[in-house]
Amino acid sequence: MKELLELYWTFVRIGLVTFGGGYAMLPILERELVDKRHWTTMDELRDYFSIGQCTPGIIAMNVSTFIGEKQKGVKGAVAASVGFLTGPVILILIIAMFISNFAHLEVVQHAFAGIRVCVCVLILQAILRLWKSSVVDPVALVIYIVVFALHAFSGVLPVKIPAAVLVILAGIAGVIISDRRNRAARKEGDAE
């Protein structure tokens, strides 16, 4: 029970400071879950983000579910997920009750503009971290360029390819390339 409460309260705190969506929260998750608690590794966290991007729902919510399940099974997944939702739901309810009273104020508009800039910085930081750890060889760079081009230019292509399909295709390409590398390494080992 103690571990479930720890999962719950950890994700309550994470949920309270998660502004800007999944990628903006990557540094917070890394610090809290990888560096401080050692509940996961950075490689696993990147994998959770990748899977979370392909599955329905919010990336951050999916990641909390994966971490909770890894720690304490289904009960851990529920504890972490409910913990992650608790803070934002309470905050959103409070804001929803009062936003119409102050959203039009100039100072609030300026605050929102500043928050948007901060969120962009957090997302850029997450992108740079993911880039450094993911695009590690020429093959990964080629996959990146192809996926980026297909996504960026999908508006002018005859068929728009959904992001989830691109992620799945990139995953398949990664499996095929890894398999070919392993076969080549085995043949080279057998030849010696």
Protein backbone atom coordinates (compact mmCIF):
# COMPACT_ATOMS: atom_id res chain seq x y z
CA MET A 1 0.00 0.00 0.00
CA LYS A 2 2.89 2.35 0.80
CA GLU A 3 4.29 1.97 -2.72
CA LEU A 4 0.88 2.68 -4.27
CA LEU A 5 0.54 5.86 -2.21
CA GLU A 6 4.04 6.89 -3.25
CA LEU A 7 3.11 6.36 -6.90
CA TYR A 8 -0.11 8.33 -6.42
CA TRP A 9 1.53 11.33 -4.67
CA THR A 10 4.48 11.40 -7.05
CA PHE A 11 2.14 11.67 -10.01
CA VAL A 12 -0.09 14.19 -8.23
CA ARG A 13 2.97 16.45 -7.96
CA ILE A 14 3.97 15.79 -11.57
CA GLY A 15 0.43 16.46 -12.78
CA LEU A 16 0.36 19.79 -10.95
CA VAL A 17 3.42 21.10 -12.78
CA THR A 18 2.78 19.59 -16.21
CA PHE A 19 2.20 22.57 -18.45
CA GLY A 20 2.49 22.43 -22.21
CA GLY A 21 1.70 18.81 -22.84
CA GLY A 22 3.71 15.61 -22.96
CA TYR A 23 6.93 16.81 -24.56
CA ALA A 24 7.19 19.85 -22.32
CA MET A 25 7.04 17.56 -19.29
CA LEU A 26 9.86 15.26 -20.42
CA PRO A 27 12.53 17.10 -18.36
CA ILE A 28 10.29 16.94 -15.27
CA LEU A 29 9.68 13.22 -15.73
CA GLU A 30 13.36 12.59 -16.34
CA ARG A 31 14.36 14.39 -13.15
CA GLU A 32 11.64 12.81 -10.99
CA LEU A 33 11.42 9.26 -12.38
CA VAL A 34 14.87 8.57 -13.80
CA ASP A 35 17.27 10.65 -11.70
CA LYS A 36 15.50 10.89 -8.32
CA ARG A 37 13.41 7.72 -7.94
CA HIS A 38 15.14 5.38 -10.43
CA TRP A 39 11.77 3.92 -11.43
CA THR A 40 12.80 3.83 -15.07
CA THR A 41 15.72 4.55 -17.38
CA MET A 42 15.92 7.33 -19.93
CA ASP A 43 15.72 4.75 -22.72
CA GLU A 44 12.54 3.27 -21.24
CA LEU A 45 11.09 6.76 -20.76
CA ARG A 46 11.71 7.53 -24.45
CA ASP A 47 10.03 4.23 -25.34
CA TYR A 48 7.03 5.12 -23.17
CA PHE A 49 6.79 8.48 -24.94
CA SER A 50 6.92 6.75 -28.32
CA ILE A 51 4.21 4.27 -27.37
CA GLY A 52 2.21 7.04 -25.68
CA GLN A 53 2.29 9.01 -28.93
CA CYS A 54 0.80 6.07 -30.83
CA THR A 55 -1.93 5.20 -28.36
CA PRO A 56 -5.15 7.10 -27.67
CA GLY A 57 -5.07 9.71 -24.95
CA ILE A 58 -2.64 12.19 -23.51
CA ILE A 59 1.03 11.24 -23.73
CA ALA A 60 1.69 12.22 -20.11
CA MET A 61 -1.24 10.15 -18.90
CA ASN A 62 -0.07 7.14 -20.89
CA VAL A 63 3.46 7.47 -19.49
CA SER A 64 2.14 7.61 -15.92
CA THR A 65 0.14 4.44 -16.59
CA PHE A 66 3.20 2.65 -18.02
CA ILE A 67 5.40 3.67 -15.08
CA GLY A 68 2.76 2.65 -12.53
CA GLU A 69 2.28 -0.72 -14.20
CA LYS A 70 6.03 -1.30 -14.26
CA GLN A 71 6.28 -0.56 -10.54
CA LYS A 72 3.21 -2.30 -9.10
CA GLY A 73 1.23 -3.94 -11.89
CA VAL A 74 -2.37 -2.97 -12.62
CA LYS A 75 -2.85 -1.41 -9.17
CA GLY A 76 0.23 0.74 -9.75
CA ALA A 77 -1.06 1.78 -13.17
CA VAL A 78 -4.35 2.88 -11.62
CA ALA A 79 -2.63 4.69 -8.72
CA ALA A 80 -0.23 6.57 -11.01
CA SER A 81 -2.94 7.43 -13.53
CA VAL A 82 -5.41 8.69 -10.93
CA GLY A 83 -2.58 10.58 -9.24
CA PHE A 84 -1.63 12.25 -12.49
CA LEU A 85 -5.25 13.30 -13.13
CA THR A 86 -6.06 14.55 -9.62
CA GLY A 87 -4.20 17.89 -9.67
CA PRO A 88 -5.06 19.00 -13.20
CA VAL A 89 -8.74 18.13 -12.80
CA ILE A 90 -8.99 20.19 -9.60
CA LEU A 91 -7.07 23.10 -11.13
CA ILE A 92 -9.10 23.04 -14.34
CA LEU A 93 -12.36 23.00 -12.40
CA ILE A 94 -11.25 26.02 -10.35
CA ILE A 95 -10.04 27.90 -13.44
CA ALA A 96 -13.24 27.04 -15.34
CA MET A 97 -15.33 28.52 -12.54
CA PHE A 98 -13.47 31.85 -12.64
CA ILE A 99 -11.93 32.26 -16.13
CA SER A 100 -14.83 34.23 -17.55
CA ASN A 101 -14.33 36.77 -14.75
CA PHE A 102 -10.71 37.59 -15.58
CA ALA A 103 -9.76 36.20 -19.02
CA HIS A 104 -10.42 39.56 -20.68
CA LEU A 105 -8.01 41.45 -18.40
CA GLU A 106 -4.88 42.71 -20.15
CA VAL A 107 -2.56 41.40 -17.43
CA VAL A 108 -4.04 37.90 -17.83
CA GLN A 109 -3.61 38.07 -21.61
CA HIS A 110 0.07 39.03 -21.13
CA ALA A 111 0.52 36.21 -18.62
CA PHE A 112 -0.89 33.72 -21.13
CA ALA A 113 1.48 35.05 -23.81
CA GLY A 114 4.44 34.55 -21.47
CA ILE A 115 3.31 31.05 -20.56
CA ARG A 116 3.04 30.11 -24.26
CA VAL A 117 6.65 31.22 -24.82
CA CYS A 118 7.81 29.21 -21.82
CA VAL A 119 5.97 26.12 -23.06
CA CYS A 120 7.67 26.48 -26.46
CA VAL A 121 11.07 26.52 -24.71
CA LEU A 122 10.18 23.40 -22.70
CA ILE A 123 9.04 21.59 -25.84
CA LEU A 124 12.22 22.62 -27.71
CA GLN A 125 14.34 21.34 -24.82
CA ALA A 126 12.52 18.00 -24.95
CA ILE A 127 12.98 17.81 -28.73
CA LEU A 128 16.72 18.43 -28.42
CA ARG A 129 17.06 15.73 -25.75
CA LEU A 130 15.09 13.25 -27.85
CA TRP A 131 17.14 14.17 -30.94
CA LYS A 132 20.47 13.57 -29.19
CA SER A 133 19.44 10.18 -27.90
CA SER A 134 17.43 8.98 -30.91
CA VAL A 135 19.21 10.12 -34.06
CA VAL A 136 22.41 8.23 -33.30
CA ASP A 137 23.51 6.97 -36.72
CA PRO A 138 23.01 7.63 -40.43
CA VAL A 139 20.14 5.13 -40.68
CA ALA A 140 18.22 6.87 -37.87
CA LEU A 141 18.87 10.20 -39.61
CA VAL A 142 17.43 8.85 -42.87
CA ILE A 143 14.31 7.58 -41.05
CA TYR A 144 13.99 11.00 -39.41
CA ILE A 145 14.30 12.87 -42.72
CA VAL A 146 11.77 10.63 -44.49
CA VAL A 147 9.21 10.83 -41.67
CA PHE A 148 9.72 14.59 -41.28
CA ALA A 149 9.29 15.17 -45.01
CA LEU A 150 6.18 12.98 -45.23
CA HIS A 151 4.62 14.76 -42.27
CA ALA A 152 5.73 18.31 -43.13
CA PHE A 153 4.59 18.09 -46.73
CA SER A 154 1.46 16.00 -46.15
CA GLY A 155 -0.65 19.00 -47.17
CA VAL A 156 0.67 18.88 -50.73
CA LEU A 157 0.87 15.10 -51.08
CA PRO A 158 -2.02 13.35 -52.83
CA VAL A 159 -2.68 11.32 -49.67
CA LYS A 160 -2.26 12.62 -46.13
CA ILE A 161 -0.51 10.05 -43.94
CA PRO A 162 -1.68 10.13 -40.31
CA ALA A 163 1.02 10.64 -37.67
CA ALA A 164 0.21 7.29 -36.05
CA VAL A 165 0.85 5.51 -39.37
CA LEU A 166 4.21 7.30 -39.69
CA VAL A 167 5.18 6.18 -36.19
CA ILE A 168 4.19 2.59 -36.94
CA LEU A 169 6.09 2.63 -40.27
CA ALA A 170 9.17 4.07 -38.56
CA GLY A 171 8.93 1.32 -35.94
CA ILE A 172 8.70 -1.33 -38.66
CA ALA A 173 11.69 0.21 -40.44
CA GLY A 174 13.63 0.11 -37.15
CA VAL A 175 12.82 -3.58 -36.66
CA ILE A 176 13.78 -4.48 -40.25
CA ILE A 177 17.05 -2.53 -40.08
CA SER A 178 17.93 -4.02 -36.69
CA ASP A 179 17.19 -7.52 -37.96
CA ARG A 180 19.41 -7.01 -41.00
CA ARG A 181 22.23 -5.65 -38.83
CA ASN A 182 21.96 -8.62 -36.47
CA ARG A 183 22.01 -11.08 -39.39
CA ALA A 184 25.05 -9.35 -40.88
CA ALA A 185 26.81 -9.42 -37.49
CA ARG A 186 26.04 -13.15 -37.08
CA LYS A 187 27.34 -13.93 -40.60
CA GLU A 188 30.47 -11.93 -39.86
CA GLY A 189 30.90 -13.80 -36.55
CA ASP A 190 30.39 -17.16 -38.27
CA ALA A 191 32.92 -16.26 -40.96
CA GLU A 192 35.60 -15.66 -38.33
